[in-house]
Amino acid sequence: MRTRKRRIISAVVGGSLLLATIVQAYFSSVGFYQDYYAIPKEKYGVLTPLCWQDVTFLTAFWLVAIALVYASFRLLKYAFRRNSSVTS
């Protein structure tokens, strides 16, 4: 009974974490595209190069996003694994 509660909690947390991470990554990617590609191209006709702060932020953002996806994967894997040990 105790492991069943843990698995249900793991499935809920893992699923919501995965969904939130995917949605946030999508909106951040669209925002980055608009800020650094679409809007400068429309306003000035040229693309502005990224500063080192932008590259650092992107790297840190995607490292955190990948870590959250991995954590949600592990939670979902725990929630939906089959019990291989049979107790008598």
PDB file of N, CA and C in Angstrom:
ATOM      1  N   MET A   1       0.828  -1.194   0.000  1.00  0.00           N
ATOM      2  CA  MET A   1       0.000   0.000   0.000  1.00  0.00           C
ATOM      3  C   MET A   1       0.869   1.253   0.000  1.00  0.00           C
ATOM      4  N   ARG A   2       1.951   1.182   0.741  1.00  0.00           N
ATOM      5  CA  ARG A   2       2.825   2.348   0.843  1.00  0.00           C
ATOM      6  C   ARG A   2       3.521   2.645  -0.485  1.00  0.00           C
ATOM      7  N   THR A   3       3.960   1.588  -1.178  1.00  0.00           N
ATOM      8  CA  THR A   3       4.619   1.803  -2.473  1.00  0.00           C
ATOM      9  C   THR A   3       3.622   2.271  -3.528  1.00  0.00           C
ATOM     10  N   ARG A   4       2.370   1.880  -3.365  1.00  0.00           N
ATOM     11  CA  ARG A   4       1.354   2.336  -4.320  1.00  0.00           C
ATOM     12  C   ARG A   4       1.164   3.842  -4.217  1.00  0.00           C
ATOM     13  N   LYS A   5       1.137   4.367  -3.000  1.00  0.00           N
ATOM     14  CA  LYS A   5       1.028   5.814  -2.814  1.00  0.00           C
ATOM     15  C   LYS A   5       2.246   6.531  -3.384  1.00  0.00           C
ATOM     16  N   ARG A   6       3.419   5.957  -3.149  1.00  0.00           N
ATOM     17  CA  ARG A   6       4.642   6.556  -3.693  1.00  0.00           C
ATOM     18  C   ARG A   6       4.622   6.574  -5.207  1.00  0.00           C
ATOM     19  N   ARG A   7       4.136   5.512  -5.802  1.00  0.00           N
ATOM     20  CA  ARG A   7       4.086   5.454  -7.264  1.00  0.00           C
ATOM     21  C   ARG A   7       3.070   6.445  -7.823  1.00  0.00           C
ATOM     22  N   ILE A   8       1.951   6.588  -7.177  1.00  0.00           N
ATOM     23  CA  ILE A   8       0.948   7.558  -7.637  1.00  0.00           C
ATOM     24  C   ILE A   8       1.494   8.973  -7.520  1.00  0.00           C
ATOM     25  N   ILE A   9       2.114   9.280  -6.401  1.00  0.00           N
ATOM     26  CA  ILE A   9       2.713  10.607  -6.219  1.00  0.00           C
ATOM     27  C   ILE A   9       3.833  10.825  -7.235  1.00  0.00           C
ATOM     28  N   SER A  10       4.632   9.798  -7.469  1.00  0.00           N
ATOM     29  CA  SER A  10       5.709   9.891  -8.442  1.00  0.00           C
ATOM     30  C   SER A  10       5.166  10.141  -9.842  1.00  0.00           C
ATOM     31  N   ALA A  11       4.086   9.480 -10.204  1.00  0.00           N
ATOM     32  CA  ALA A  11       3.488   9.665 -11.526  1.00  0.00           C
ATOM     33  C   ALA A  11       2.917  11.073 -11.681  1.00  0.00           C
ATOM     34  N   VAL A  12       2.251  11.573 -10.654  1.00  0.00           N
ATOM     35  CA  VAL A  12       1.666  12.922 -10.726  1.00  0.00           C
ATOM     36  C   VAL A  12       2.757  13.978 -10.803  1.00  0.00           C
ATOM     37  N   VAL A  13       3.753  13.873  -9.946  1.00  0.00           N
ATOM     38  CA  VAL A  13       4.846  14.857  -9.942  1.00  0.00           C
ATOM     39  C   VAL A  13       5.660  14.770 -11.223  1.00  0.00           C
ATOM     40  N   GLY A  14       5.984  13.564 -11.657  1.00  0.00           N
ATOM     41  CA  GLY A  14       6.762  13.395 -12.880  1.00  0.00           C
ATOM     42  C   GLY A  14       6.029  13.885 -14.113  1.00  0.00           C
ATOM     43  N   GLY A  15       4.750  13.579 -14.210  1.00  0.00           N
ATOM     44  CA  GLY A  15       3.960  14.026 -15.356  1.00  0.00           C
ATOM     45  C   GLY A  15       3.788  15.529 -15.401  1.00  0.00           C
ATOM     46  N   SER A  16       3.494  16.121 -14.258  1.00  0.00           N
ATOM     47  CA  SER A  16       3.325  17.580 -14.236  1.00  0.00           C
ATOM     48  C   SER A  16       4.653  18.296 -14.456  1.00  0.00           C
ATOM     49  N   LEU A  17       5.738  17.744 -13.942  1.00  0.00           N
ATOM     50  CA  LEU A  17       7.056  18.336 -14.159  1.00  0.00           C
ATOM     51  C   LEU A  17       7.455  18.258 -15.632  1.00  0.00           C
ATOM     52  N   LEU A  18       7.183  17.129 -16.274  1.00  0.00           N
ATOM     53  CA  LEU A  18       7.487  16.980 -17.691  1.00  0.00           C
ATOM     54  C   LEU A  18       6.657  17.939 -18.535  1.00  0.00           C
ATOM     55  N   LEU A  19       5.381  18.032 -18.260  1.00  0.00           N
ATOM     56  CA  LEU A  19       4.512  18.933 -19.009  1.00  0.00           C
ATOM     57  C   LEU A  19       4.936  20.389 -18.830  1.00  0.00           C
ATOM     58  N   ALA A  20       5.213  20.788 -17.600  1.00  0.00           N
ATOM     59  CA  ALA A  20       5.620  22.174 -17.337  1.00  0.00           C
ATOM     60  C   ALA A  20       6.957  22.498 -18.002  1.00  0.00           C
ATOM     61  N   THR A  21       7.880  21.553 -17.991  1.00  0.00           N
ATOM     62  CA  THR A  21       9.183  21.780 -18.620  1.00  0.00           C
ATOM     63  C   THR A  21       9.056  21.921 -20.130  1.00  0.00           C
ATOM     64  N   ILE A  22       8.252  21.084 -20.753  1.00  0.00           N
ATOM     65  CA  ILE A  22       8.068  21.162 -22.199  1.00  0.00           C
ATOM     66  C   ILE A  22       7.386  22.465 -22.594  1.00  0.00           C
ATOM     67  N   VAL A  23       6.364  22.871 -21.854  1.00  0.00           N
ATOM     68  CA  VAL A  23       5.668  24.124 -22.160  1.00  0.00           C
ATOM     69  C   VAL A  23       6.601  25.313 -21.981  1.00  0.00           C
ATOM     70  N   GLN A  24       7.355  25.336 -20.897  1.00  0.00           N
ATOM     71  CA  GLN A  24       8.274  26.454 -20.653  1.00  0.00           C
ATOM     72  C   GLN A  24       9.386  26.500 -21.694  1.00  0.00           C
ATOM     73  N   ALA A  25       9.904  25.359 -22.097  1.00  0.00           N
ATOM     74  CA  ALA A  25      10.944  25.326 -23.132  1.00  0.00           C
ATOM     75  C   ALA A  25      10.393  25.833 -24.457  1.00  0.00           C
ATOM     76  N   TYR A  26       9.166  25.483 -24.781  1.00  0.00           N
ATOM     77  CA  TYR A  26       8.555  25.959 -26.025  1.00  0.00           C
ATOM     78  C   TYR A  26       8.400  27.472 -26.020  1.00  0.00           C
ATOM     79  N   PHE A  27       7.831  28.018 -24.955  1.00  0.00           N
ATOM     80  CA  PHE A  27       7.609  29.466 -24.907  1.00  0.00           C
ATOM     81  C   PHE A  27       8.925  30.237 -24.840  1.00  0.00           C
ATOM     82  N   SER A  28       9.918  29.692 -24.188  1.00  0.00           N
ATOM     83  CA  SER A  28      11.222  30.350 -24.154  1.00  0.00           C
ATOM     84  C   SER A  28      11.871  30.336 -25.529  1.00  0.00           C
ATOM     85  N   SER A  29      11.726  29.240 -26.249  1.00  0.00           N
ATOM     86  CA  SER A  29      12.292  29.161 -27.588  1.00  0.00           C
ATOM     87  C   SER A  29      11.611  30.139 -28.541  1.00  0.00           C
ATOM     88  N   VAL A  30      10.298  30.244 -28.452  1.00  0.00           N
ATOM     89  CA  VAL A  30       9.571  31.194 -29.295  1.00  0.00           C
ATOM     90  C   VAL A  30       9.958  32.619 -28.930  1.00  0.00           C
ATOM     91  N   GLY A  31      10.076  32.910 -27.652  1.00  0.00           N
ATOM     92  CA  GLY A  31      10.489  34.251 -27.221  1.00  0.00           C
ATOM     93  C   GLY A  31      11.889  34.591 -27.680  1.00  0.00           C
ATOM     94  N   PHE A  32      12.796  33.622 -27.602  1.00  0.00           N
ATOM     95  CA  PHE A  32      14.158  33.853 -28.073  1.00  0.00           C
ATOM     96  C   PHE A  32      14.171  34.104 -29.575  1.00  0.00           C
ATOM     97  N   TYR A  33      13.388  33.341 -30.319  1.00  0.00           N
ATOM     98  CA  TYR A  33      13.304  33.530 -31.763  1.00  0.00           C
ATOM     99  C   TYR A  33      12.798  34.928 -32.099  1.00  0.00           C
ATOM    100  N   GLN A  34      11.772  35.378 -31.394  1.00  0.00           N
ATOM    101  CA  GLN A  34      11.233  36.712 -31.666  1.00  0.00           C
ATOM    102  C   GLN A  34      12.205  37.811 -31.269  1.00  0.00           C
ATOM    103  N   ASP A  35      12.854  37.670 -30.121  1.00  0.00           N
ATOM    104  CA  ASP A  35      13.758  38.721 -29.643  1.00  0.00           C
ATOM    105  C   ASP A  35      15.028  38.849 -30.460  1.00  0.00           C
ATOM    106  N   TYR A  36      15.568  37.730 -30.918  1.00  0.00           N
ATOM    107  CA  TYR A  36      16.876  37.780 -31.555  1.00  0.00           C
ATOM    108  C   TYR A  36      16.873  37.503 -33.052  1.00  0.00           C
ATOM    109  N   TYR A  37      15.731  37.114 -33.613  1.00  0.00           N
ATOM    110  CA  TYR A  37      15.720  36.873 -35.050  1.00  0.00           C
ATOM    111  C   TYR A  37      14.632  37.681 -35.762  1.00  0.00           C
ATOM    112  N   ALA A  38      13.383  37.490 -35.376  1.00  0.00           N
ATOM    113  CA  ALA A  38      12.282  38.097 -36.120  1.00  0.00           C
ATOM    114  C   ALA A  38      12.219  39.612 -35.946  1.00  0.00           C
ATOM    115  N   ILE A  39      12.244  40.078 -34.704  1.00  0.00           N
ATOM    116  CA  ILE A  39      12.086  41.517 -34.459  1.00  0.00           C
ATOM    117  C   ILE A  39      13.285  42.325 -34.952  1.00  0.00           C
ATOM    118  N   PRO A  40      14.553  41.955 -34.692  1.00  0.00           N
ATOM    119  CA  PRO A  40      15.667  42.736 -35.253  1.00  0.00           C
ATOM    120  C   PRO A  40      15.672  42.736 -36.783  1.00  0.00           C
ATOM    121  N   LYS A  41      15.263  41.621 -37.386  1.00  0.00           N
ATOM    122  CA  LYS A  41      15.231  41.538 -38.844  1.00  0.00           C
ATOM    123  C   LYS A  41      14.184  42.498 -39.395  1.00  0.00           C
ATOM    124  N   GLU A  42      13.035  42.619 -38.735  1.00  0.00           N
ATOM    125  CA  GLU A  42      11.973  43.520 -39.185  1.00  0.00           C
ATOM    126  C   GLU A  42      12.331  44.983 -38.941  1.00  0.00           C
ATOM    127  N   LYS A  43      12.910  45.277 -37.773  1.00  0.00           N
ATOM    128  CA  LYS A  43      13.189  46.670 -37.419  1.00  0.00           C
ATOM    129  C   LYS A  43      14.401  47.233 -38.151  1.00  0.00           C
ATOM    130  N   TYR A  44      15.487  46.491 -38.119  1.00  0.00           N
ATOM    131  CA  TYR A  44      16.752  47.036 -38.594  1.00  0.00           C
ATOM    132  C   TYR A  44      17.228  46.409 -39.898  1.00  0.00           C
ATOM    133  N   GLY A  45      16.684  45.300 -40.292  1.00  0.00           N
ATOM    134  CA  GLY A  45      17.101  44.638 -41.510  1.00  0.00           C
ATOM    135  C   GLY A  45      18.331  43.768 -41.364  1.00  0.00           C
ATOM    136  N   VAL A  46      18.937  43.746 -40.182  1.00  0.00           N
ATOM    137  CA  VAL A  46      20.115  42.912 -39.928  1.00  0.00           C
ATOM    138  C   VAL A  46      19.918  42.161 -38.622  1.00  0.00           C
ATOM    139  N   LEU A  47      20.647  41.089 -38.486  1.00  0.00           N
ATOM    140  CA  LEU A  47      20.610  40.329 -37.235  1.00  0.00           C
ATOM    141  C   LEU A  47      21.703  40.837 -36.317  1.00  0.00           C
ATOM    142  N   THR A  48      21.383  40.992 -35.060  1.00  0.00           N
ATOM    143  CA  THR A  48      22.384  41.409 -34.087  1.00  0.00           C
ATOM    144  C   THR A  48      23.040  40.174 -33.488  1.00  0.00           C
ATOM    145  N   PRO A  49      24.346  40.199 -33.304  1.00  0.00           N
ATOM    146  CA  PRO A  49      25.005  39.023 -32.713  1.00  0.00           C
ATOM    147  C   PRO A  49      24.665  38.908 -31.225  1.00  0.00           C
ATOM    148  N   LEU A  50      24.751  37.698 -30.739  1.00  0.00           N
ATOM    149  CA  LEU A  50      24.480  37.452 -29.331  1.00  0.00           C
ATOM    150  C   LEU A  50      25.668  37.895 -28.482  1.00  0.00           C
ATOM    151  N   CYS A  51      25.378  38.430 -27.317  1.00  0.00           N
ATOM    152  CA  CYS A  51      26.425  38.757 -26.350  1.00  0.00           C
ATOM    153  C   CYS A  51      26.766  37.492 -25.563  1.00  0.00           C
ATOM    154  N   TRP A  52      27.840  37.551 -24.786  1.00  0.00           N
ATOM    155  CA  TRP A  52      28.228  36.369 -24.010  1.00  0.00           C
ATOM    156  C   TRP A  52      27.199  36.065 -22.935  1.00  0.00           C
ATOM    157  N   GLN A  53      26.492  37.102 -22.444  1.00  0.00           N
ATOM    158  CA  GLN A  53      25.463  36.870 -21.433  1.00  0.00           C
ATOM    159  C   GLN A  53      24.294  36.072 -22.013  1.00  0.00           C
ATOM    160  N   ASP A  54      23.969  36.342 -23.269  1.00  0.00           N
ATOM    161  CA  ASP A  54      22.884  35.606 -23.911  1.00  0.00           C
ATOM    162  C   ASP A  54      23.240  34.137 -24.090  1.00  0.00           C
ATOM    163  N   VAL A  55      24.460  33.886 -24.518  1.00  0.00           N
ATOM    164  CA  VAL A  55      24.906  32.509 -24.715  1.00  0.00           C
ATOM    165  C   VAL A  55      24.963  31.775 -23.372  1.00  0.00           C
ATOM    166  N   THR A  56      25.433  32.456 -22.336  1.00  0.00           N
ATOM    167  CA  THR A  56      25.493  31.855 -21.000  1.00  0.00           C
ATOM    168  C   THR A  56      24.092  31.536 -20.485  1.00  0.00           C
ATOM    169  N   PHE A  57      23.159  32.456 -20.677  1.00  0.00           N
ATOM    170  CA  PHE A  57      21.786  32.218 -20.238  1.00  0.00           C
ATOM    171  C   PHE A  57      21.176  31.039 -20.981  1.00  0.00           C
ATOM    172  N   LEU A  58      21.375  30.982 -22.290  1.00  0.00           N
ATOM    173  CA  LEU A  58      20.825  29.869 -23.067  1.00  0.00           C
ATOM    174  C   LEU A  58      21.395  28.535 -22.624  1.00  0.00           C
ATOM    175  N   THR A  59      22.694  28.506 -22.386  1.00  0.00           N
ATOM    176  CA  THR A  59      23.333  27.269 -21.934  1.00  0.00           C
ATOM    177  C   THR A  59      22.788  26.831 -20.574  1.00  0.00           C
ATOM    178  N   ALA A  60      22.709  27.776 -19.644  1.00  0.00           N
ATOM    179  CA  ALA A  60      22.187  27.448 -18.308  1.00  0.00           C
ATOM    180  C   ALA A  60      20.722  27.026 -18.375  1.00  0.00           C
ATOM    181  N   PHE A  61      19.931  27.727 -19.186  1.00  0.00           N
ATOM    182  CA  PHE A  61      18.507  27.393 -19.312  1.00  0.00           C
ATOM    183  C   PHE A  61      18.329  25.971 -19.831  1.00  0.00           C
ATOM    184  N   TRP A  62      19.059  25.606 -20.893  1.00  0.00           N
ATOM    185  CA  TRP A  62      18.879  24.277 -21.468  1.00  0.00           C
ATOM    186  C   TRP A  62      19.464  23.186 -20.586  1.00  0.00           C
ATOM    187  N   LEU A  63      20.496  23.495 -19.816  1.00  0.00           N
ATOM    188  CA  LEU A  63      21.003  22.503 -18.859  1.00  0.00           C
ATOM    189  C   LEU A  63      19.970  22.214 -17.771  1.00  0.00           C
ATOM    190  N   VAL A  64      19.326  23.254 -17.273  1.00  0.00           N
ATOM    191  CA  VAL A  64      18.279  23.068 -16.262  1.00  0.00           C
ATOM    192  C   VAL A  64      17.075  22.348 -16.867  1.00  0.00           C
ATOM    193  N   ALA A  65      16.696  22.714 -18.084  1.00  0.00           N
ATOM    194  CA  ALA A  65      15.559  22.060 -18.736  1.00  0.00           C
ATOM    195  C   ALA A  65      15.835  20.569 -18.954  1.00  0.00           C
ATOM    196  N   ILE A  66      17.041  20.242 -19.395  1.00  0.00           N
ATOM    197  CA  ILE A  66      17.392  18.831 -19.605  1.00  0.00           C
ATOM    198  C   ILE A  66      17.412  18.082 -18.279  1.00  0.00           C
ATOM    199  N   ALA A  67      17.907  18.708 -17.223  1.00  0.00           N
ATOM    200  CA  ALA A  67      17.913  18.068 -15.898  1.00  0.00           C
ATOM    201  C   ALA A  67      16.488  17.824 -15.405  1.00  0.00           C
ATOM    202  N   LEU A  68      15.584  18.766 -15.640  1.00  0.00           N
ATOM    203  CA  LEU A  68      14.191  18.578 -15.225  1.00  0.00           C
ATOM    204  C   LEU A  68      13.507  17.485 -16.036  1.00  0.00           C
ATOM    205  N   VAL A  69      13.785  17.414 -17.320  1.00  0.00           N
ATOM    206  CA  VAL A  69      13.221  16.334 -18.145  1.00  0.00           C
ATOM    207  C   VAL A  69      13.745  14.985 -17.662  1.00  0.00           C
ATOM    208  N   TYR A  70      15.034  14.918 -17.330  1.00  0.00           N
ATOM    209  CA  TYR A  70      15.599  13.664 -16.826  1.00  0.00           C
ATOM    210  C   TYR A  70      14.973  13.274 -15.485  1.00  0.00           C
ATOM    211  N   ALA A  71      14.789  14.257 -14.600  1.00  0.00           N
ATOM    212  CA  ALA A  71      14.170  13.966 -13.302  1.00  0.00           C
ATOM    213  C   ALA A  71      12.737  13.466 -13.480  1.00  0.00           C
ATOM    214  N   SER A  72      11.987  14.080 -14.376  1.00  0.00           N
ATOM    215  CA  SER A  72      10.618  13.628 -14.609  1.00  0.00           C
ATOM    216  C   SER A  72      10.608  12.237 -15.258  1.00  0.00           C
ATOM    217  N   PHE A  73      11.574  11.982 -16.135  1.00  0.00           N
ATOM    218  CA  PHE A  73      11.692  10.642 -16.728  1.00  0.00           C
ATOM    219  C   PHE A  73      11.934   9.591 -15.653  1.00  0.00           C
ATOM    220  N   ARG A  74      12.834   9.877 -14.719  1.00  0.00           N
ATOM    221  CA  ARG A  74      13.119   8.919 -13.651  1.00  0.00           C
ATOM    222  C   ARG A  74      11.902   8.707 -12.749  1.00  0.00           C
ATOM    223  N   LEU A  75      11.175   9.786 -12.452  1.00  0.00           N
ATOM    224  CA  LEU A  75       9.964   9.645 -11.637  1.00  0.00           C
ATOM    225  C   LEU A  75       8.912   8.807 -12.351  1.00  0.00           C
ATOM    226  N   LEU A  76       8.729   9.060 -13.636  1.00  0.00           N
ATOM    227  CA  LEU A  76       7.742   8.284 -14.390  1.00  0.00           C
ATOM    228  C   LEU A  76       8.188   6.838 -14.566  1.00  0.00           C
ATOM    229  N   LYS A  77       9.472   6.617 -14.724  1.00  0.00           N
ATOM    230  CA  LYS A  77       9.978   5.252 -14.837  1.00  0.00           C
ATOM    231  C   LYS A  77       9.734   4.482 -13.539  1.00  0.00           C
ATOM    232  N   TYR A  78       9.949   5.152 -12.400  1.00  0.00           N
ATOM    233  CA  TYR A  78       9.674   4.515 -11.116  1.00  0.00           C
ATOM    234  C   TYR A  78       8.181   4.233 -10.957  1.00  0.00           C
ATOM    235  N   ALA A  79       7.353   5.162 -11.403  1.00  0.00           N
ATOM    236  CA  ALA A  79       5.912   5.011 -11.214  1.00  0.00           C
ATOM    237  C   ALA A  79       5.335   3.878 -12.050  1.00  0.00           C
ATOM    238  N   PHE A  80       5.888   3.633 -13.238  1.00  0.00           N
ATOM    239  CA  PHE A  80       5.298   2.651 -14.136  1.00  0.00           C
ATOM    240  C   PHE A  80       6.127   1.387 -14.315  1.00  0.00           C
ATOM    241  N   ARG A  81       7.117   1.164 -13.453  1.00  0.00           N
ATOM    242  CA  ARG A  81       7.905  -0.051 -13.581  1.00  0.00           C
ATOM    243  C   ARG A  81       7.132  -1.229 -13.021  1.00  0.00           C
ATOM    244  N   ARG A  82       7.490  -2.388 -13.501  1.00  0.00           N
ATOM    245  CA  ARG A  82       6.853  -3.614 -12.993  1.00  0.00           C
ATOM    246  C   ARG A  82       7.646  -4.113 -11.807  1.00  0.00           C
ATOM    247  N   ASN A  83       6.966  -4.677 -10.891  1.00  0.00           N
ATOM    248  CA  ASN A  83       7.608  -5.212  -9.712  1.00  0.00           C
ATOM    249  C   ASN A  83       8.215  -6.561 -10.033  1.00  0.00           C
ATOM    250  N   SER A  84       9.548  -6.608 -10.143  1.00  0.00           N
ATOM    251  CA  SER A  84      10.212  -7.845 -10.561  1.00  0.00           C
ATOM    252  C   SER A  84      10.466  -8.800  -9.393  1.00  0.00           C
ATOM    253  N   SER A  85      10.493  -8.274  -8.184  1.00  0.00           N
ATOM    254  CA  SER A  85      10.739  -9.157  -7.047  1.00  0.00           C
ATOM    255  C   SER A  85       9.419  -9.679  -6.500  1.00  0.00           C
ATOM    256  N   VAL A  86       9.336 -10.984  -6.401  1.00  0.00           N
ATOM    257  CA  VAL A  86       8.132 -11.626  -5.889  1.00  0.00           C
ATOM    258  C   VAL A  86       8.397 -12.049  -4.449  1.00  0.00           C
ATOM    259  N   THR A  87       7.562 -11.566  -3.533  1.00  0.00           N
ATOM    260  CA  THR A  87       7.717 -11.944  -2.129  1.00  0.00           C
ATOM    261  C   THR A  87       6.674 -12.981  -1.770  1.00  0.00           C
ATOM    262  N   SER A  88       7.059 -13.934  -0.965  1.00  0.00           N
ATOM    263  CA  SER A  88       6.145 -15.024  -0.588  1.00  0.00           C
ATOM    264  C   SER A  88       5.389 -14.670   0.666  1.00  0.00           C
TER     265      SER A  88
END
